[in-house]
Amino acid sequence: MPSSDLSSIQGLGDKQLRVLARHGVTDLRGLAQADHEAIHRAMANLRPRPSRNQIARWQENARDMLAETAPDAAEWQTAASFVVVFSQRRAGDIWERRVEAERTEVEPERNPQVWQGWEARPICDWMLGQLDQANSAAPAPADASAGAATNSGQGGPGAAEPPPAEPAAERPALLIDSAVLIDAEGRTDVVTAGVVAAVPPVVLAAPVRVEFTVSGARPKTQLRAVARILRPGGPGRNAQEPVAVPGSGRVELNLSAVPAGEHEVGLTAWAPDGTAKPVSVRLPKVTILCA
């Protein structure tokens, strides 16, 4: 795109465009990907000097304009994502095992699929089948037993048949009741009463952490939680290793390892034993500034 396209962003005048051009930022993608602090330093001599928040808004506008264009077919794009849980329990002298797979970030919510044993082939076949439905709104079949497989290698000959997995409708659903982003300058509520707040992109000054509460599990259920940095069209990564959720349900996760720049953050909580429906929420976009 020619550099003049940047002038469509509110607040970018000739002076700002010349400074950006001297530093190699001549199009929307260059602005969206530029280092936030580098732009702020480059404009130190302008009067009035743009604030960090104003620069963050320019970059957000550039990303929004890029998002309105057709995606590059050469870029990797997520077709489907899944949560897979392997679980086991002791039953006399044998281990009862099962595996549960669930599509993530789809509406309406779909029941997880459950197989007895740890045989991987039926699970992989089911996930590959979901790829054909990635752009379909049709719900997955409610009956998971049709694809169930028993692992003949567990328990040996004559082992008792494991009991059927707990129906999904009987499992309690986890809920992230509240979440707050905390930085060097204050706190921003991003989830209240289980609802993600409708707030503009949040600008945070490092160090940053997120606190949230998880509810809905049965008493003594062990839960795990993680904050995940999401990437459009590609795999995300955990901000830190998953942590155990204390009995209070209140979790604090450190985001200090997340680099400066704009990010989308997702919070996920789940029961490793599969006795509760996992929960995942996507927070408003955040821009983290250098310390």
Protein backbone atom coordinates (compact mmCIF):
# COMPACT_ATOMS: atom_id res chain seq x y z
CA MET A 1 0.00 0.00 0.00
CA PRO A 2 1.27 3.54 -0.64
CA SER A 3 2.19 5.61 2.38
CA SER A 4 -0.75 7.95 1.73
CA ASP A 5 -3.07 5.18 2.98
CA LEU A 6 -1.78 5.87 6.48
CA SER A 7 -3.36 9.31 6.31
CA SER A 8 -6.78 7.67 6.64
CA ILE A 9 -5.94 6.95 10.28
CA GLN A 10 -7.29 9.69 12.50
CA GLY A 11 -4.54 11.76 14.13
CA LEU A 12 -1.82 10.93 11.60
CA GLY A 13 -0.90 14.16 9.84
CA ASP A 14 1.95 15.13 7.55
CA LYS A 15 4.44 15.59 10.41
CA GLN A 16 3.72 12.17 11.88
CA LEU A 17 3.78 10.49 8.46
CA ARG A 18 7.21 11.97 7.67
CA VAL A 19 8.63 10.68 10.96
CA LEU A 20 7.17 7.22 10.34
CA ALA A 21 8.56 7.16 6.80
CA ARG A 22 12.06 8.05 8.04
CA HIS A 23 11.87 4.99 10.26
CA GLY A 24 10.66 2.67 7.51
CA VAL A 25 6.95 2.69 8.40
CA THR A 26 5.17 3.44 5.13
CA ASP A 27 2.06 1.25 5.12
CA LEU A 28 -0.64 -0.15 7.39
CA ARG A 29 1.12 -3.44 8.01
CA GLY A 30 4.35 -1.66 8.91
CA LEU A 31 2.51 0.51 11.42
CA ALA A 32 0.61 -2.43 12.90
CA GLN A 33 3.82 -4.41 13.43
CA ALA A 34 6.11 -1.55 14.50
CA ASP A 35 7.56 -1.43 17.99
CA HIS A 36 5.30 0.80 20.08
CA GLU A 37 8.13 2.33 22.10
CA ALA A 38 10.27 2.92 19.00
CA ILE A 39 7.50 5.06 17.50
CA HIS A 40 7.15 7.00 20.74
CA ARG A 41 10.88 7.72 20.83
CA ALA A 42 10.95 8.69 17.15
CA MET A 43 8.30 11.37 17.74
CA ALA A 44 10.03 12.94 20.75
CA ASN A 45 10.63 16.22 18.87
CA LEU A 46 7.07 16.69 17.64
CA ARG A 47 4.89 19.26 19.36
CA PRO A 48 2.55 18.14 20.65
CA ARG A 49 4.24 14.79 21.09
CA PRO A 50 1.84 11.85 20.60
CA SER A 51 1.12 9.93 23.78
CA ARG A 52 1.63 6.19 24.09
CA ASN A 53 -2.13 5.70 24.18
CA GLN A 54 -2.52 7.68 20.96
CA ILE A 55 0.13 5.57 19.23
CA ALA A 56 -1.63 2.43 20.45
CA ARG A 57 -4.86 3.70 18.87
CA TRP A 58 -3.08 4.31 15.55
CA GLN A 59 -1.77 0.76 15.58
CA GLU A 60 -5.17 -0.62 16.54
CA ASN A 61 -6.80 1.28 13.66
CA ALA A 62 -4.18 -0.09 11.26
CA ARG A 63 -4.87 -3.65 12.43
CA ASP A 64 -8.61 -3.13 12.04
CA MET A 65 -8.14 -1.88 8.48
CA LEU A 66 -5.91 -4.82 7.64
CA ALA A 67 -8.47 -7.22 9.08
CA GLU A 68 -11.08 -5.90 6.64
CA THR A 69 -9.00 -7.05 3.68
CA ALA A 70 -9.03 -10.62 2.37
CA PRO A 71 -6.56 -12.88 4.23
CA ASP A 72 -3.39 -13.93 2.50
CA ALA A 73 -3.96 -17.47 1.22
CA ALA A 74 -0.29 -18.22 1.88
CA GLU A 75 -0.67 -17.59 5.63
CA TRP A 76 -1.45 -20.41 8.06
CA GLN A 77 -5.05 -20.23 9.25
CA THR A 78 -6.63 -22.21 12.07
CA ALA A 79 -9.25 -24.63 10.75
CA ALA A 80 -10.20 -26.14 14.11
CA SER A 81 -8.80 -26.49 17.63
CA PHE A 82 -9.47 -29.06 20.33
CA VAL A 83 -9.04 -29.82 24.02
CA VAL A 84 -8.05 -33.47 24.57
CA VAL A 85 -8.03 -34.95 28.09
CA PHE A 86 -6.63 -38.40 28.93
CA SER A 87 -7.88 -39.62 32.31
CA GLN A 88 -7.72 -42.79 34.41
CA ARG A 89 -8.89 -44.16 37.74
CA ARG A 90 -8.14 -47.21 39.78
CA ALA A 91 -10.79 -49.97 39.87
CA GLY A 92 -9.52 -52.89 41.93
CA ASP A 93 -6.45 -54.32 40.21
CA ILE A 94 -6.91 -52.49 36.91
CA TRP A 95 -6.88 -48.96 35.55
CA GLU A 96 -10.02 -47.67 33.88
CA ARG A 97 -9.04 -45.24 31.15
CA ARG A 98 -10.84 -42.87 28.84
CA VAL A 99 -10.11 -39.94 26.56
CA GLU A 100 -12.30 -36.93 25.94
CA ALA A 101 -12.06 -34.49 23.01
CA GLU A 102 -13.93 -31.24 22.55
CA ARG A 103 -13.96 -28.58 19.85
CA THR A 104 -13.03 -25.18 21.28
CA GLU A 105 -14.39 -21.73 20.47
CA VAL A 106 -17.48 -22.92 18.57
CA GLU A 107 -21.07 -21.87 18.98
CA PRO A 108 -23.42 -23.29 20.02
CA GLU A 109 -21.57 -25.26 22.68
CA ARG A 110 -21.07 -28.88 21.61
CA ASN A 111 -20.98 -31.93 23.81
CA PRO A 112 -17.53 -33.49 24.18
CA GLN A 113 -16.84 -36.85 22.58
CA VAL A 114 -15.75 -39.64 24.94
CA TRP A 115 -13.98 -42.92 24.16
CA GLN A 116 -13.12 -45.75 26.54
CA GLY A 117 -9.40 -46.50 26.60
CA TRP A 118 -6.50 -44.54 25.18
CA GLU A 119 -6.52 -45.80 21.60
CA ALA A 120 -5.64 -42.76 19.47
CA ARG A 121 -7.01 -43.73 16.06
CA PRO A 122 -10.76 -43.13 16.69
CA ILE A 123 -9.96 -39.80 18.33
CA CYS A 124 -7.84 -38.68 15.39
CA ASP A 125 -10.47 -39.87 12.93
CA TRP A 126 -13.13 -37.82 14.74
CA MET A 127 -10.95 -34.68 14.81
CA LEU A 128 -10.13 -35.03 11.13
CA GLY A 129 -13.85 -35.36 10.45
CA GLN A 130 -14.41 -32.07 12.26
CA LEU A 131 -12.17 -30.32 9.74
CA ASP A 132 -14.82 -30.95 7.09
CA GLN A 133 -17.28 -29.11 9.34
CA ALA A 134 -14.96 -26.26 10.30
CA ASN A 135 -17.06 -23.72 8.41
CA SER A 136 -20.41 -25.35 9.22
CA ALA A 137 -22.79 -24.30 11.95
CA ALA A 138 -24.27 -27.79 12.18
CA PRO A 139 -23.82 -29.22 15.70
CA ALA A 140 -21.79 -32.35 16.24
CA PRO A 141 -23.68 -35.60 16.91
CA ALA A 142 -24.84 -35.73 20.51
CA ASP A 143 -24.22 -39.48 20.83
CA ALA A 144 -20.52 -40.01 21.48
CA SER A 145 -20.89 -43.74 22.05
CA ALA A 146 -21.11 -44.47 18.32
CA GLY A 147 -17.41 -43.77 17.96
CA ALA A 148 -16.34 -45.24 21.30
CA ALA A 149 -13.34 -47.58 21.30
CA THR A 150 -12.11 -49.89 24.05
CA ASN A 151 -8.40 -50.21 24.69
CA SER A 152 -7.85 -53.97 24.72
CA GLY A 153 -4.38 -53.45 26.14
CA GLN A 154 -5.57 -52.23 29.54
CA GLY A 155 -6.20 -54.66 32.34
CA GLY A 156 -5.27 -57.76 30.34
CA PRO A 157 -7.56 -60.66 29.35
CA GLY A 158 -10.75 -60.87 31.36
CA ALA A 159 -10.52 -57.29 32.62
CA ALA A 160 -13.82 -55.74 33.59
CA GLU A 161 -15.39 -53.50 30.98
CA PRO A 162 -15.04 -49.89 32.17
CA PRO A 163 -18.34 -48.23 33.04
CA PRO A 164 -19.67 -45.69 30.56
CA ALA A 165 -18.30 -42.19 30.87
CA GLU A 166 -20.35 -39.64 32.74
CA PRO A 167 -22.86 -38.04 30.34
CA ALA A 168 -21.87 -34.52 29.39
CA ALA A 169 -25.25 -33.16 30.51
CA GLU A 170 -24.50 -34.27 34.09
CA ARG A 171 -21.13 -32.56 34.31
CA PRO A 172 -21.10 -29.12 35.90
CA ALA A 173 -19.86 -26.27 33.71
CA LEU A 174 -17.00 -24.13 34.91
CA LEU A 175 -17.37 -20.37 34.87
CA ILE A 176 -14.84 -17.54 34.98
CA ASP A 177 -16.79 -15.17 37.21
CA SER A 178 -14.43 -12.21 37.18
CA ALA A 179 -11.08 -11.18 35.78
CA VAL A 180 -8.92 -8.11 36.28
CA LEU A 181 -5.73 -6.99 34.52
CA ILE A 182 -3.21 -5.38 36.86
CA ASP A 183 -0.26 -3.30 35.70
CA ALA A 184 2.12 -0.72 37.11
CA GLU A 185 -0.54 1.98 36.98
CA GLY A 186 -3.72 0.32 38.19
CA ARG A 187 -6.42 -2.29 37.62
CA THR A 188 -8.84 -2.88 34.73
CA ASP A 189 -11.89 -5.12 35.16
CA VAL A 190 -12.31 -7.22 32.02
CA VAL A 191 -14.80 -9.87 33.20
CA THR A 192 -17.65 -9.11 35.62
CA ALA A 193 -20.32 -11.59 36.72
CA GLY A 194 -19.17 -13.99 34.00
CA VAL A 195 -19.50 -11.42 31.19
CA VAL A 196 -16.53 -10.04 29.25
CA ALA A 197 -16.53 -6.26 29.53
CA ALA A 198 -17.15 -4.23 26.39
CA VAL A 199 -14.11 -2.00 26.76
CA PRO A 200 -11.72 -0.54 24.16
CA PRO A 201 -8.26 -2.08 23.77
CA VAL A 202 -6.47 -1.88 27.12
CA VAL A 203 -3.03 -0.27 27.32
CA LEU A 204 -0.91 -1.74 30.13
CA ALA A 205 2.48 -0.78 31.55
CA ALA A 206 4.71 -3.71 32.50
CA PRO A 207 4.86 -5.63 34.77
CA VAL A 208 1.43 -7.12 34.08
CA ARG A 209 -0.56 -9.89 35.73
CA VAL A 210 -4.10 -11.19 35.54
CA GLU A 211 -6.28 -12.28 38.45
CA PHE A 212 -9.51 -14.22 37.92
CA THR A 213 -11.92 -16.48 39.78
CA VAL A 214 -13.23 -19.86 38.65
CA SER A 215 -16.43 -21.45 39.96
CA GLY A 216 -18.87 -24.23 39.09
CA ALA A 217 -16.84 -27.32 40.01
CA ARG A 218 -18.00 -29.88 42.50
CA PRO A 219 -16.34 -29.80 45.93
CA LYS A 220 -12.76 -31.13 46.00
CA THR A 221 -12.50 -31.16 42.20
CA GLN A 222 -8.95 -30.37 41.14
CA LEU A 223 -8.78 -27.65 38.50
CA ARG A 224 -6.02 -26.20 36.35
CA ALA A 225 -5.85 -22.79 34.69
CA VAL A 226 -3.69 -21.01 32.14
CA ALA A 227 -3.46 -17.69 30.31
CA ARG A 228 -2.83 -18.17 26.62
CA ILE A 229 -1.49 -15.61 24.17
CA LEU A 230 -3.52 -16.03 20.99
CA ARG A 231 -2.33 -15.45 17.42
CA PRO A 232 -4.78 -14.91 14.52
CA GLY A 233 -4.33 -17.66 11.97
CA GLY A 234 -1.74 -19.54 13.99
CA PRO A 235 -1.10 -21.42 17.22
CA GLY A 236 -0.95 -19.54 20.48
CA ARG A 237 1.32 -20.07 23.45
CA ASN A 238 0.97 -20.16 27.19
CA ALA A 239 2.04 -17.05 29.09
CA GLN A 240 3.36 -19.42 31.77
CA GLU A 241 2.92 -23.05 32.79
CA PRO A 242 -0.64 -24.06 33.84
CA VAL A 243 -1.28 -23.67 37.56
CA ALA A 244 -3.49 -25.46 40.05
CA VAL A 245 -6.61 -23.56 41.05
CA PRO A 246 -6.79 -23.20 44.86
CA GLY A 247 -9.92 -24.04 46.80
CA SER A 248 -10.91 -20.38 46.82
CA GLY A 249 -11.08 -20.46 43.02
CA ARG A 250 -8.94 -17.32 42.82
CA VAL A 251 -6.02 -17.54 40.37
CA GLU A 252 -3.16 -15.11 39.73
CA LEU A 253 -1.04 -15.49 36.60
CA ASN A 254 2.07 -13.51 35.72
CA LEU A 255 2.22 -12.00 32.21
CA SER A 256 5.73 -10.59 32.60
CA ALA A 257 7.10 -12.98 29.96
CA VAL A 258 4.74 -11.55 27.34
CA PRO A 259 6.68 -9.12 25.08
CA ALA A 260 5.65 -5.53 24.51
CA GLY A 261 3.06 -4.99 21.80
CA GLU A 262 -0.57 -5.81 21.11
CA HIS A 263 -1.90 -9.20 22.14
CA GLU A 264 -5.10 -11.17 22.52
CA VAL A 265 -5.26 -13.13 25.76
CA GLY A 266 -7.48 -16.10 26.52
CA LEU A 267 -8.15 -17.56 29.96
CA THR A 268 -8.89 -21.28 30.22
CA ALA A 269 -9.77 -23.49 33.19
CA TRP A 270 -10.46 -27.20 33.16
CA ALA A 271 -10.68 -30.35 35.30
CA PRO A 272 -7.88 -32.78 34.37
CA ASP A 273 -10.14 -35.71 35.28
CA GLY A 274 -12.84 -34.51 32.86
CA THR A 275 -15.54 -34.21 35.55
CA ALA A 276 -16.40 -30.61 34.64
CA LYS A 277 -16.92 -28.81 31.36
CA PRO A 278 -13.93 -26.57 30.63
CA VAL A 279 -14.33 -22.83 30.23
CA SER A 280 -12.43 -20.44 27.97
CA VAL A 281 -12.88 -16.69 27.56
CA ARG A 282 -11.16 -14.26 25.22
CA LEU A 283 -10.30 -10.95 26.88
CA PRO A 284 -10.36 -7.54 25.17
CA LYS A 285 -7.20 -6.75 23.21
CA VAL A 286 -4.30 -5.48 25.28
CA THR A 287 -1.23 -3.45 24.39
CA ILE A 288 1.68 -3.97 26.75
CA LEU A 289 4.23 -1.17 27.02
CA CYS A 290 7.87 -1.62 27.92
CA ALA A 291 8.75 -1.24 31.60
